[in-house]
All heavy atoms as atom14 arrays in JSON, in Angstrom:
{
  "sequence": "SAWLWEPDQINLFFFHPGGAAVKEDRPWLQFRMTLNVSGGDPAAQAQQ",
  "atom14_mask": [
    [1, 1, 1, 1, 1, 1, 0, 0, 0, 0, 0, 0, 0, 0],
    [1, 1, 1, 1, 1, 0, 0, 0, 0, 0, 0, 0, 0, 0],
    [1, 1, 1, 1, 1, 1, 1, 1, 1, 1, 1, 1, 1, 1],
    [1, 1, 1, 1, 1, 1, 1, 1, 0, 0, 0, 0, 0, 0],
    [1, 1, 1, 1, 1, 1, 1, 1, 1, 1, 1, 1, 1, 1],
    [1, 1, 1, 1, 1, 1, 1, 1, 1, 0, 0, 0, 0, 0],
    [1, 1, 1, 1, 1, 1, 1, 0, 0, 0, 0, 0, 0, 0],
    [1, 1, 1, 1, 1, 1, 1, 1, 0, 0, 0, 0, 0, 0],
    [1, 1, 1, 1, 1, 1, 1, 1, 1, 0, 0, 0, 0, 0],
    [1, 1, 1, 1, 1, 1, 1, 1, 0, 0, 0, 0, 0, 0],
    [1, 1, 1, 1, 1, 1, 1, 1, 0, 0, 0, 0, 0, 0],
    [1, 1, 1, 1, 1, 1, 1, 1, 0, 0, 0, 0, 0, 0],
    [1, 1, 1, 1, 1, 1, 1, 1, 1, 1, 1, 0, 0, 0],
    [1, 1, 1, 1, 1, 1, 1, 1, 1, 1, 1, 0, 0, 0],
    [1, 1, 1, 1, 1, 1, 1, 1, 1, 1, 1, 0, 0, 0],
    [1, 1, 1, 1, 1, 1, 1, 1, 1, 1, 0, 0, 0, 0],
    [1, 1, 1, 1, 1, 1, 1, 0, 0, 0, 0, 0, 0, 0],
    [1, 1, 1, 1, 0, 0, 0, 0, 0, 0, 0, 0, 0, 0],
    [1, 1, 1, 1, 0, 0, 0, 0, 0, 0, 0, 0, 0, 0],
    [1, 1, 1, 1, 1, 0, 0, 0, 0, 0, 0, 0, 0, 0],
    [1, 1, 1, 1, 1, 0, 0, 0, 0, 0, 0, 0, 0, 0],
    [1, 1, 1, 1, 1, 1, 1, 0, 0, 0, 0, 0, 0, 0],
    [1, 1, 1, 1, 1, 1, 1, 1, 1, 0, 0, 0, 0, 0],
    [1, 1, 1, 1, 1, 1, 1, 1, 1, 0, 0, 0, 0, 0],
    [1, 1, 1, 1, 1, 1, 1, 1, 0, 0, 0, 0, 0, 0],
    [1, 1, 1, 1, 1, 1, 1, 1, 1, 1, 1, 0, 0, 0],
    [1, 1, 1, 1, 1, 1, 1, 0, 0, 0, 0, 0, 0, 0],
    [1, 1, 1, 1, 1, 1, 1, 1, 1, 1, 1, 1, 1, 1],
    [1, 1, 1, 1, 1, 1, 1, 1, 0, 0, 0, 0, 0, 0],
    [1, 1, 1, 1, 1, 1, 1, 1, 1, 0, 0, 0, 0, 0],
    [1, 1, 1, 1, 1, 1, 1, 1, 1, 1, 1, 0, 0, 0],
    [1, 1, 1, 1, 1, 1, 1, 1, 1, 1, 1, 0, 0, 0],
    [1, 1, 1, 1, 1, 1, 1, 1, 0, 0, 0, 0, 0, 0],
    [1, 1, 1, 1, 1, 1, 1, 0, 0, 0, 0, 0, 0, 0],
    [1, 1, 1, 1, 1, 1, 1, 1, 0, 0, 0, 0, 0, 0],
    [1, 1, 1, 1, 1, 1, 1, 1, 0, 0, 0, 0, 0, 0],
    [1, 1, 1, 1, 1, 1, 1, 0, 0, 0, 0, 0, 0, 0],
    [1, 1, 1, 1, 1, 1, 0, 0, 0, 0, 0, 0, 0, 0],
    [1, 1, 1, 1, 0, 0, 0, 0, 0, 0, 0, 0, 0, 0],
    [1, 1, 1, 1, 0, 0, 0, 0, 0, 0, 0, 0, 0, 0],
    [1, 1, 1, 1, 1, 1, 1, 1, 0, 0, 0, 0, 0, 0],
    [1, 1, 1, 1, 1, 1, 1, 0, 0, 0, 0, 0, 0, 0],
    [1, 1, 1, 1, 1, 0, 0, 0, 0, 0, 0, 0, 0, 0],
    [1, 1, 1, 1, 1, 0, 0, 0, 0, 0, 0, 0, 0, 0],
    [1, 1, 1, 1, 1, 1, 1, 1, 1, 0, 0, 0, 0, 0],
    [1, 1, 1, 1, 1, 0, 0, 0, 0, 0, 0, 0, 0, 0],
    [1, 1, 1, 1, 1, 1, 1, 1, 1, 0, 0, 0, 0, 0],
    [1, 1, 1, 1, 1, 1, 1, 1, 1, 0, 0, 0, 0, 0]
  ],
  "atom14_positions": [
    [[0.84, -1.19, 0.0], [0.0, 0.0, 0.0], [0.88, 1.24, 0.0], [1.99, 1.23, 0.52], [-0.94, 0.01, 1.21], [-0.2, 0.16, 2.39], [0.0, 0.0, 0.0], [0.0, 0.0, 0.0], [0.0, 0.0, 0.0], [0.0, 0.0, 0.0], [0.0, 0.0, 0.0], [0.0, 0.0, 0.0], [0.0, 0.0, 0.0], [0.0, 0.0, 0.0]],
    [[0.35, 2.29, -0.59], [0.98, 3.6, -0.58], [-0.14, 4.6, -0.33], [-1.14, 4.6, -1.04], [1.67, 3.88, -1.91], [0.0, 0.0, 0.0], [0.0, 0.0, 0.0], [0.0, 0.0, 0.0], [0.0, 0.0, 0.0], [0.0, 0.0, 0.0], [0.0, 0.0, 0.0], [0.0, 0.0, 0.0], [0.0, 0.0, 0.0], [0.0, 0.0, 0.0]],
    [[0.02, 5.4, 0.72], [-1.04, 6.33, 1.1], [-0.66, 7.75, 0.75], [0.5, 8.15, 0.88], [-1.36, 6.18, 2.58], [-1.89, 4.81, 2.9], [-2.84, 4.12, 2.22], [-1.49, 3.94, 3.96], [-3.06, 2.89, 2.78], [-2.25, 2.75, 3.86], [-0.56, 4.05, 4.99], [-2.12, 1.7, 4.75], [-0.43, 2.99, 5.87], [-1.22, 1.84, 5.75]],
    [[-1.62, 8.53, 0.31], [-1.38, 9.91, -0.11], [-0.72, 10.73, 1.0], [0.1, 11.6, 0.73], [-2.68, 10.57, -0.55], [-3.3, 10.04, -1.84], [-4.65, 10.69, -2.09], [-2.37, 10.26, -3.01], [0.0, 0.0, 0.0], [0.0, 0.0, 0.0], [0.0, 0.0, 0.0], [0.0, 0.0, 0.0], [0.0, 0.0, 0.0], [0.0, 0.0, 0.0]],
    [[-1.09, 10.49, 2.24], [-0.55, 11.27, 3.35], [0.85, 10.82, 3.78], [1.45, 11.41, 4.66], [-1.51, 11.26, 4.55], [-1.83, 9.89, 5.06], [-1.15, 9.21, 6.04], [-2.88, 9.03, 4.65], [-1.7, 7.97, 6.25], [-2.79, 7.83, 5.39], [-3.9, 9.13, 3.71], [-3.67, 6.77, 5.25], [-4.78, 8.07, 3.57], [-4.65, 6.91, 4.33]],
    [[1.37, 9.77, 3.14], [2.73, 9.3, 3.39], [3.45, 9.1, 2.06], [3.75, 7.98, 1.66], [2.71, 7.98, 4.18], [2.12, 8.09, 5.56], [2.02, 6.75, 6.27], [1.89, 5.7, 5.6], [2.07, 6.76, 7.5], [0.0, 0.0, 0.0], [0.0, 0.0, 0.0], [0.0, 0.0, 0.0], [0.0, 0.0, 0.0], [0.0, 0.0, 0.0]],
    [[3.73, 10.21, 1.34], [4.27, 10.08, -0.02], [5.7, 9.54, -0.09], [6.15, 9.15, -1.16], [4.21, 11.51, -0.56], [4.3, 12.36, 0.66], [3.56, 11.59, 1.74], [0.0, 0.0, 0.0], [0.0, 0.0, 0.0], [0.0, 0.0, 0.0], [0.0, 0.0, 0.0], [0.0, 0.0, 0.0], [0.0, 0.0, 0.0], [0.0, 0.0, 0.0]],
    [[6.39, 9.49, 1.05], [7.77, 9.04, 1.04], [7.97, 7.61, 1.52], [9.07, 7.18, 1.82], [8.62, 9.98, 1.9], [8.14, 10.06, 3.34], [7.0, 9.63, 3.62], [8.9, 10.56, 4.19], [0.0, 0.0, 0.0], [0.0, 0.0, 0.0], [0.0, 0.0, 0.0], [0.0, 0.0, 0.0], [0.0, 0.0, 0.0], [0.0, 0.0, 0.0]],
    [[6.86, 6.85, 1.58], [7.0, 5.46, 1.99], [5.9, 4.59, 1.41], [4.84, 5.07, 1.04], [7.02, 5.33, 3.51], [5.69, 5.63, 4.18], [5.8, 5.56, 5.7], [6.78, 6.0, 6.28], [4.78, 5.03, 6.34], [0.0, 0.0, 0.0], [0.0, 0.0, 0.0], [0.0, 0.0, 0.0], [0.0, 0.0, 0.0], [0.0, 0.0, 0.0]],
    [[6.21, 3.31, 1.34], [5.22, 2.3, 0.98], [5.23, 1.24, 2.07], [6.23, 1.07, 2.78], [5.49, 1.66, -0.41], [6.89, 1.06, -0.48], [5.26, 2.67, -1.52], [7.17, 0.33, -1.78], [0.0, 0.0, 0.0], [0.0, 0.0, 0.0], [0.0, 0.0, 0.0], [0.0, 0.0, 0.0], [0.0, 0.0, 0.0], [0.0, 0.0, 0.0]],
    [[4.13, 0.55, 2.22], [4.0, -0.49, 3.22], [3.83, -1.83, 2.51], [2.97, -1.98, 1.65], [2.78, -0.22, 4.11], [2.93, 1.08, 4.84], [3.73, 1.2, 5.75], [2.17, 2.09, 4.43], [0.0, 0.0, 0.0], [0.0, 0.0, 0.0], [0.0, 0.0, 0.0], [0.0, 0.0, 0.0], [0.0, 0.0, 0.0], [0.0, 0.0, 0.0]],
    [[4.66, -2.76, 2.89], [4.62, -4.1, 2.33], [4.09, -5.03, 3.41], [4.64, -5.08, 4.51], [6.02, -4.53, 1.89], [6.2, -5.94, 1.38], [5.39, -6.14, 0.11], [7.67, -6.23, 1.14], [0.0, 0.0, 0.0], [0.0, 0.0, 0.0], [0.0, 0.0, 0.0], [0.0, 0.0, 0.0], [0.0, 0.0, 0.0], [0.0, 0.0, 0.0]],
    [[3.01, -5.74, 3.1], [2.43, -6.7, 4.03], [2.6, -8.09, 3.44], [2.38, -8.3, 2.24], [0.93, -6.42, 4.21], [0.64, -5.09, 4.86], [0.47, -3.97, 4.09], [0.54, -4.98, 6.23], [0.19, -2.73, 4.67], [0.27, -3.77, 6.83], [0.09, -2.64, 6.05], [0.0, 0.0, 0.0], [0.0, 0.0, 0.0], [0.0, 0.0, 0.0]],
    [[2.99, -9.04, 4.27], [3.11, -10.42, 3.79], [2.83, -11.4, 4.92], [2.87, -11.04, 6.09], [4.48, -10.67, 3.15], [5.66, -10.35, 4.02], [6.25, -11.33, 4.81], [6.19, -9.07, 4.05], [7.34, -11.04, 5.61], [7.29, -8.77, 4.85], [7.86, -9.76, 5.63], [0.0, 0.0, 0.0], [0.0, 0.0, 0.0], [0.0, 0.0, 0.0]],
    [[2.5, -12.62, 4.52], [2.15, -13.67, 5.47], [3.28, -14.7, 5.56], [4.0, -14.93, 4.59], [0.87, -14.4, 5.02], [-0.37, -13.58, 5.17], [-0.81, -12.77, 4.14], [-1.1, -13.61, 6.34], [-1.95, -12.01, 4.27], [-2.25, -12.86, 6.49], [-2.67, -12.06, 5.45], [0.0, 0.0, 0.0], [0.0, 0.0, 0.0], [0.0, 0.0, 0.0]],
    [[3.38, -15.29, 6.73], [4.28, -16.42, 6.93], [3.47, -17.51, 7.66], [2.78, -17.2, 8.62], [5.48, -16.02, 7.8], [6.31, -17.19, 8.24], [7.11, -17.89, 7.36], [6.43, -17.8, 9.44], [7.7, -18.87, 8.03], [7.3, -18.84, 9.28], [0.0, 0.0, 0.0], [0.0, 0.0, 0.0], [0.0, 0.0, 0.0], [0.0, 0.0, 0.0]],
    [[3.47, -18.73, 7.22], [4.26, -19.28, 6.15], [3.68, -19.0, 4.76], [4.32, -19.26, 3.77], [4.26, -20.78, 6.44], [3.0, -21.03, 7.17], [2.73, -19.78, 7.95], [0.0, 0.0, 0.0], [0.0, 0.0, 0.0], [0.0, 0.0, 0.0], [0.0, 0.0, 0.0], [0.0, 0.0, 0.0], [0.0, 0.0, 0.0], [0.0, 0.0, 0.0]],
    [[2.52, -18.46, 4.66], [1.88, -18.07, 3.4], [0.4, -17.86, 3.64], [-0.15, -18.32, 4.65], [0.0, 0.0, 0.0], [0.0, 0.0, 0.0], [0.0, 0.0, 0.0], [0.0, 0.0, 0.0], [0.0, 0.0, 0.0], [0.0, 0.0, 0.0], [0.0, 0.0, 0.0], [0.0, 0.0, 0.0], [0.0, 0.0, 0.0], [0.0, 0.0, 0.0]],
    [[-0.23, -17.18, 2.72], [-1.66, -16.89, 2.87], [-2.53, -18.12, 2.96], [-3.59, -18.09, 3.58], [0.0, 0.0, 0.0], [0.0, 0.0, 0.0], [0.0, 0.0, 0.0], [0.0, 0.0, 0.0], [0.0, 0.0, 0.0], [0.0, 0.0, 0.0], [0.0, 0.0, 0.0], [0.0, 0.0, 0.0], [0.0, 0.0, 0.0], [0.0, 0.0, 0.0]],
    [[-2.09, -19.22, 2.37], [-2.89, -20.45, 2.4], [-3.08, -20.97, 3.82], [-4.07, -21.63, 4.12], [-2.24, -21.53, 1.53], [0.0, 0.0, 0.0], [0.0, 0.0, 0.0], [0.0, 0.0, 0.0], [0.0, 0.0, 0.0], [0.0, 0.0, 0.0], [0.0, 0.0, 0.0], [0.0, 0.0, 0.0], [0.0, 0.0, 0.0], [0.0, 0.0, 0.0]],
    [[-2.13, -20.68, 4.71], [-2.23, -21.16, 6.09], [-3.48, -20.63, 6.77], [-4.08, -21.31, 7.6], [-0.99, -20.77, 6.88], [0.0, 0.0, 0.0], [0.0, 0.0, 0.0], [0.0, 0.0, 0.0], [0.0, 0.0, 0.0], [0.0, 0.0, 0.0], [0.0, 0.0, 0.0], [0.0, 0.0, 0.0], [0.0, 0.0, 0.0], [0.0, 0.0, 0.0]],
    [[-3.89, -19.41, 6.42], [-5.1, -18.82, 7.01], [-6.31, -19.68, 6.64], [-7.12, -20.04, 7.5], [-5.29, -17.37, 6.54], [-6.59, -16.79, 7.09], [-4.11, -16.51, 6.94], [0.0, 0.0, 0.0], [0.0, 0.0, 0.0], [0.0, 0.0, 0.0], [0.0, 0.0, 0.0], [0.0, 0.0, 0.0], [0.0, 0.0, 0.0], [0.0, 0.0, 0.0]],
    [[-6.42, -20.02, 5.37], [-7.55, -20.83, 4.89], [-7.52, -22.26, 5.42], [-8.56, -22.88, 5.61], [-7.56, -20.86, 3.36], [-7.8, -19.52, 2.72], [-7.71, -19.63, 1.22], [-7.74, -18.27, 0.58], [-7.55, -18.34, -0.87], [0.0, 0.0, 0.0], [0.0, 0.0, 0.0], [0.0, 0.0, 0.0], [0.0, 0.0, 0.0], [0.0, 0.0, 0.0]],
    [[-6.31, -22.76, 5.65], [-6.15, -24.15, 6.07], [-6.13, -24.31, 7.58], [-5.84, -25.38, 8.09], [-4.87, -24.71, 5.45], [-4.93, -24.75, 3.93], [-3.58, -25.04, 3.31], [-2.57, -25.22, 4.04], [-3.53, -25.07, 2.07], [0.0, 0.0, 0.0], [0.0, 0.0, 0.0], [0.0, 0.0, 0.0], [0.0, 0.0, 0.0], [0.0, 0.0, 0.0]],
    [[-6.41, -23.23, 8.3], [-6.47, -23.26, 9.76], [-5.16, -23.74, 10.39], [-5.15, -24.51, 11.34], [-7.65, -24.11, 10.25], [-8.04, -23.79, 11.68], [-7.84, -22.63, 12.1], [-8.52, -24.69, 12.38], [0.0, 0.0, 0.0], [0.0, 0.0, 0.0], [0.0, 0.0, 0.0], [0.0, 0.0, 0.0], [0.0, 0.0, 0.0], [0.0, 0.0, 0.0]],
    [[-4.05, -23.28, 9.82], [-2.72, -23.56, 10.37], [-2.18, -22.27, 10.97], [-2.65, -21.19, 10.66], [-1.77, -24.04, 9.27], [-2.14, -25.39, 8.7], [-1.1, -25.88, 7.69], [-1.16, -25.1, 6.45], [-0.11, -24.47, 5.91], [1.08, -24.51, 6.49], [-0.24, -23.78, 4.79], [0.0, 0.0, 0.0], [0.0, 0.0, 0.0], [0.0, 0.0, 0.0]],
    [[-1.16, -22.33, 11.84], [-0.57, -21.11, 12.39], [-0.05, -20.2, 11.28], [0.56, -20.68, 10.31], [0.58, -21.63, 13.26], [0.22, -23.03, 13.59], [-0.54, -23.53, 12.4], [0.0, 0.0, 0.0], [0.0, 0.0, 0.0], [0.0, 0.0, 0.0], [0.0, 0.0, 0.0], [0.0, 0.0, 0.0], [0.0, 0.0, 0.0], [0.0, 0.0, 0.0]],
    [[-0.28, -18.9, 11.44], [0.18, -17.91, 10.47], [0.45, -16.6, 11.18], [-0.07, -16.34, 12.26], [-0.85, -17.7, 9.35], [-2.18, -17.19, 9.87], [-3.23, -17.95, 10.31], [-2.58, -15.84, 10.06], [-4.25, -17.15, 10.75], [-3.88, -15.83, 10.6], [-1.96, -14.61, 9.82], [-4.57, -14.67, 10.9], [-2.66, -13.44, 10.12], [-3.95, -13.49, 10.65]],
    [[1.28, -15.79, 10.56], [1.54, -14.43, 11.03], [1.52, -13.5, 9.83], [1.87, -13.9, 8.72], [2.9, -14.33, 11.72], [3.04, -15.05, 13.04], [4.49, -14.98, 13.52], [2.1, -14.47, 14.08], [0.0, 0.0, 0.0], [0.0, 0.0, 0.0], [0.0, 0.0, 0.0], [0.0, 0.0, 0.0], [0.0, 0.0, 0.0], [0.0, 0.0, 0.0]],
    [[1.12, -12.27, 10.07], [1.22, -11.23, 9.05], [2.31, -10.26, 9.49], [2.4, -9.92, 10.68], [-0.1, -10.49, 8.89], [-0.04, -9.45, 7.78], [-1.34, -8.71, 7.61], [-2.12, -8.55, 8.55], [-1.59, -8.24, 6.41], [0.0, 0.0, 0.0], [0.0, 0.0, 0.0], [0.0, 0.0, 0.0], [0.0, 0.0, 0.0], [0.0, 0.0, 0.0]],
    [[3.14, -9.87, 8.55], [4.23, -8.94, 8.8], [4.0, -7.65, 8.01], [3.39, -7.67, 6.94], [5.57, -9.54, 8.36], [6.05, -10.67, 9.22], [5.58, -11.96, 9.03], [6.98, -10.44, 10.21], [6.02, -13.0, 9.81], [7.44, -11.48, 11.0], [6.96, -12.76, 10.81], [0.0, 0.0, 0.0], [0.0, 0.0, 0.0], [0.0, 0.0, 0.0]],
    [[4.54, -6.55, 8.54], [4.5, -5.27, 7.84], [5.91, -4.7, 7.82], [6.59, -4.65, 8.84], [3.6, -4.28, 8.56], [3.62, -2.9, 7.93], [2.82, -1.91, 8.73], [2.9, -0.6, 8.12], [2.51, 0.51, 8.7], [1.98, 0.47, 9.92], [2.62, 1.66, 8.09], [0.0, 0.0, 0.0], [0.0, 0.0, 0.0], [0.0, 0.0, 0.0]],
    [[6.31, -4.26, 6.64], [7.6, -3.62, 6.47], [7.36, -2.28, 5.79], [6.66, -2.22, 4.77], [8.52, -4.5, 5.61], [9.86, -3.89, 5.32], [10.83, -4.97, 4.24], [11.73, -5.86, 5.47], [0.0, 0.0, 0.0], [0.0, 0.0, 0.0], [0.0, 0.0, 0.0], [0.0, 0.0, 0.0], [0.0, 0.0, 0.0], [0.0, 0.0, 0.0]],
    [[7.92, -1.22, 6.34], [7.8, 0.11, 5.75], [9.07, 0.39, 4.97], [10.18, 0.28, 5.5], [7.59, 1.16, 6.85], [6.41, 0.84, 7.58], [7.43, 2.55, 6.24], [0.0, 0.0, 0.0], [0.0, 0.0, 0.0], [0.0, 0.0, 0.0], [0.0, 0.0, 0.0], [0.0, 0.0, 0.0], [0.0, 0.0, 0.0], [0.0, 0.0, 0.0]],
    [[8.89, 0.74, 3.71], [10.03, 1.01, 2.82], [10.01, 2.47, 2.42], [8.97, 3.02, 2.04], [9.92, 0.13, 1.56], [9.81, -1.37, 1.82], [9.44, -2.1, 0.54], [11.09, -1.9, 2.39], [0.0, 0.0, 0.0], [0.0, 0.0, 0.0], [0.0, 0.0, 0.0], [0.0, 0.0, 0.0], [0.0, 0.0, 0.0], [0.0, 0.0, 0.0]],
    [[11.17, 3.12, 2.49], [11.28, 4.52, 2.11], [11.44, 4.65, 0.6], [12.16, 3.87, -0.01], [12.47, 5.16, 2.82], [12.27, 5.2, 4.31], [11.18, 5.47, 4.8], [13.32, 4.92, 5.05], [0.0, 0.0, 0.0], [0.0, 0.0, 0.0], [0.0, 0.0, 0.0], [0.0, 0.0, 0.0], [0.0, 0.0, 0.0], [0.0, 0.0, 0.0]],
    [[10.77, 5.63, 0.03], [10.88, 5.93, -1.39], [11.08, 7.43, -1.55], [10.81, 8.21, -0.64], [9.63, 5.47, -2.18], [9.5, 3.97, -2.17], [8.37, 6.12, -1.65], [0.0, 0.0, 0.0], [0.0, 0.0, 0.0], [0.0, 0.0, 0.0], [0.0, 0.0, 0.0], [0.0, 0.0, 0.0], [0.0, 0.0, 0.0], [0.0, 0.0, 0.0]],
    [[11.54, 7.83, -2.71], [11.76, 9.25, -2.99], [11.04, 9.62, -4.28], [10.38, 8.79, -4.9], [13.26, 9.52, -3.13], [13.74, 8.94, -4.32], [0.0, 0.0, 0.0], [0.0, 0.0, 0.0], [0.0, 0.0, 0.0], [0.0, 0.0, 0.0], [0.0, 0.0, 0.0], [0.0, 0.0, 0.0], [0.0, 0.0, 0.0], [0.0, 0.0, 0.0]],
    [[11.21, 10.84, -4.69], [10.6, 11.31, -5.92], [11.43, 10.94, -7.15], [11.13, 11.4, -8.24], [0.0, 0.0, 0.0], [0.0, 0.0, 0.0], [0.0, 0.0, 0.0], [0.0, 0.0, 0.0], [0.0, 0.0, 0.0], [0.0, 0.0, 0.0], [0.0, 0.0, 0.0], [0.0, 0.0, 0.0], [0.0, 0.0, 0.0], [0.0, 0.0, 0.0]],
    [[12.44, 10.11, -6.97], [13.32, 9.72, -8.07], [12.65, 8.76, -9.04], [11.46, 8.47, -8.96], [0.0, 0.0, 0.0], [0.0, 0.0, 0.0], [0.0, 0.0, 0.0], [0.0, 0.0, 0.0], [0.0, 0.0, 0.0], [0.0, 0.0, 0.0], [0.0, 0.0, 0.0], [0.0, 0.0, 0.0], [0.0, 0.0, 0.0], [0.0, 0.0, 0.0]],
    [[13.43, 8.24, -9.94], [12.97, 7.32, -10.98], [12.31, 6.09, -10.37], [12.97, 5.32, -9.65], [14.14, 6.92, -11.86], [13.76, 5.9, -12.92], [12.7, 6.05, -13.55], [14.53, 4.93, -13.1], [0.0, 0.0, 0.0], [0.0, 0.0, 0.0], [0.0, 0.0, 0.0], [0.0, 0.0, 0.0], [0.0, 0.0, 0.0], [0.0, 0.0, 0.0]],
    [[11.01, 5.87, -10.64], [10.31, 4.71, -10.05], [10.92, 3.37, -10.43], [11.01, 2.47, -9.58], [8.88, 4.84, -10.59], [8.73, 6.27, -10.94], [10.09, 6.72, -11.39], [0.0, 0.0, 0.0], [0.0, 0.0, 0.0], [0.0, 0.0, 0.0], [0.0, 0.0, 0.0], [0.0, 0.0, 0.0], [0.0, 0.0, 0.0], [0.0, 0.0, 0.0]],
    [[11.36, 3.21, -11.66], [11.94, 1.93, -12.09], [13.23, 1.64, -11.33], [13.46, 0.5, -10.9], [12.18, 1.93, -13.59], [0.0, 0.0, 0.0], [0.0, 0.0, 0.0], [0.0, 0.0, 0.0], [0.0, 0.0, 0.0], [0.0, 0.0, 0.0], [0.0, 0.0, 0.0], [0.0, 0.0, 0.0], [0.0, 0.0, 0.0], [0.0, 0.0, 0.0]],
    [[14.05, 2.65, -11.15], [15.31, 2.45, -10.42], [15.03, 2.12, -8.96], [15.69, 1.25, -8.38], [16.18, 3.7, -10.53], [0.0, 0.0, 0.0], [0.0, 0.0, 0.0], [0.0, 0.0, 0.0], [0.0, 0.0, 0.0], [0.0, 0.0, 0.0], [0.0, 0.0, 0.0], [0.0, 0.0, 0.0], [0.0, 0.0, 0.0], [0.0, 0.0, 0.0]],
    [[14.06, 2.8, -8.37], [13.72, 2.52, -6.98], [13.14, 1.11, -6.83], [13.45, 0.41, -5.87], [12.72, 3.54, -6.45], [13.36, 4.89, -6.2], [12.4, 5.84, -5.55], [12.14, 5.7, -4.36], [11.88, 6.77, -6.33], [0.0, 0.0, 0.0], [0.0, 0.0, 0.0], [0.0, 0.0, 0.0], [0.0, 0.0, 0.0], [0.0, 0.0, 0.0]],
    [[12.29, 0.71, -7.76], [11.72, -0.64, -7.71], [12.82, -1.68, -7.79], [12.8, -2.67, -7.05], [10.71, -0.83, -8.84], [0.0, 0.0, 0.0], [0.0, 0.0, 0.0], [0.0, 0.0, 0.0], [0.0, 0.0, 0.0], [0.0, 0.0, 0.0], [0.0, 0.0, 0.0], [0.0, 0.0, 0.0], [0.0, 0.0, 0.0], [0.0, 0.0, 0.0]],
    [[13.79, -1.46, -8.66], [14.91, -2.39, -8.78], [15.71, -2.46, -7.48], [16.05, -3.54, -7.0], [15.83, -1.98, -9.94], [17.04, -2.86, -10.12], [16.69, -4.27, -10.53], [15.73, -4.5, -11.25], [17.47, -5.24, -10.05], [0.0, 0.0, 0.0], [0.0, 0.0, 0.0], [0.0, 0.0, 0.0], [0.0, 0.0, 0.0], [0.0, 0.0, 0.0]],
    [[15.98, -1.3, -6.89], [16.73, -1.26, -5.63], [15.97, -1.95, -4.51], [16.55, -2.73, -3.75], [17.03, 0.19, -5.24], [17.8, 0.29, -3.95], [18.05, 1.72, -3.52], [17.82, 2.66, -4.27], [18.53, 1.89, -2.3], [0.0, 0.0, 0.0], [0.0, 0.0, 0.0], [0.0, 0.0, 0.0], [0.0, 0.0, 0.0], [0.0, 0.0, 0.0]]
  ]
}
């Protein structure tokens, strides 16, 4: 996700061990990582 009120960051959410664990009633966790971005070249930032 990227929110208008936070133009210098994106939020990456992911599951461990994977999203299927939620459906299969196995232990799971969701993680959030905040990544900093700038007004620079989007392709270069995506690669980095």
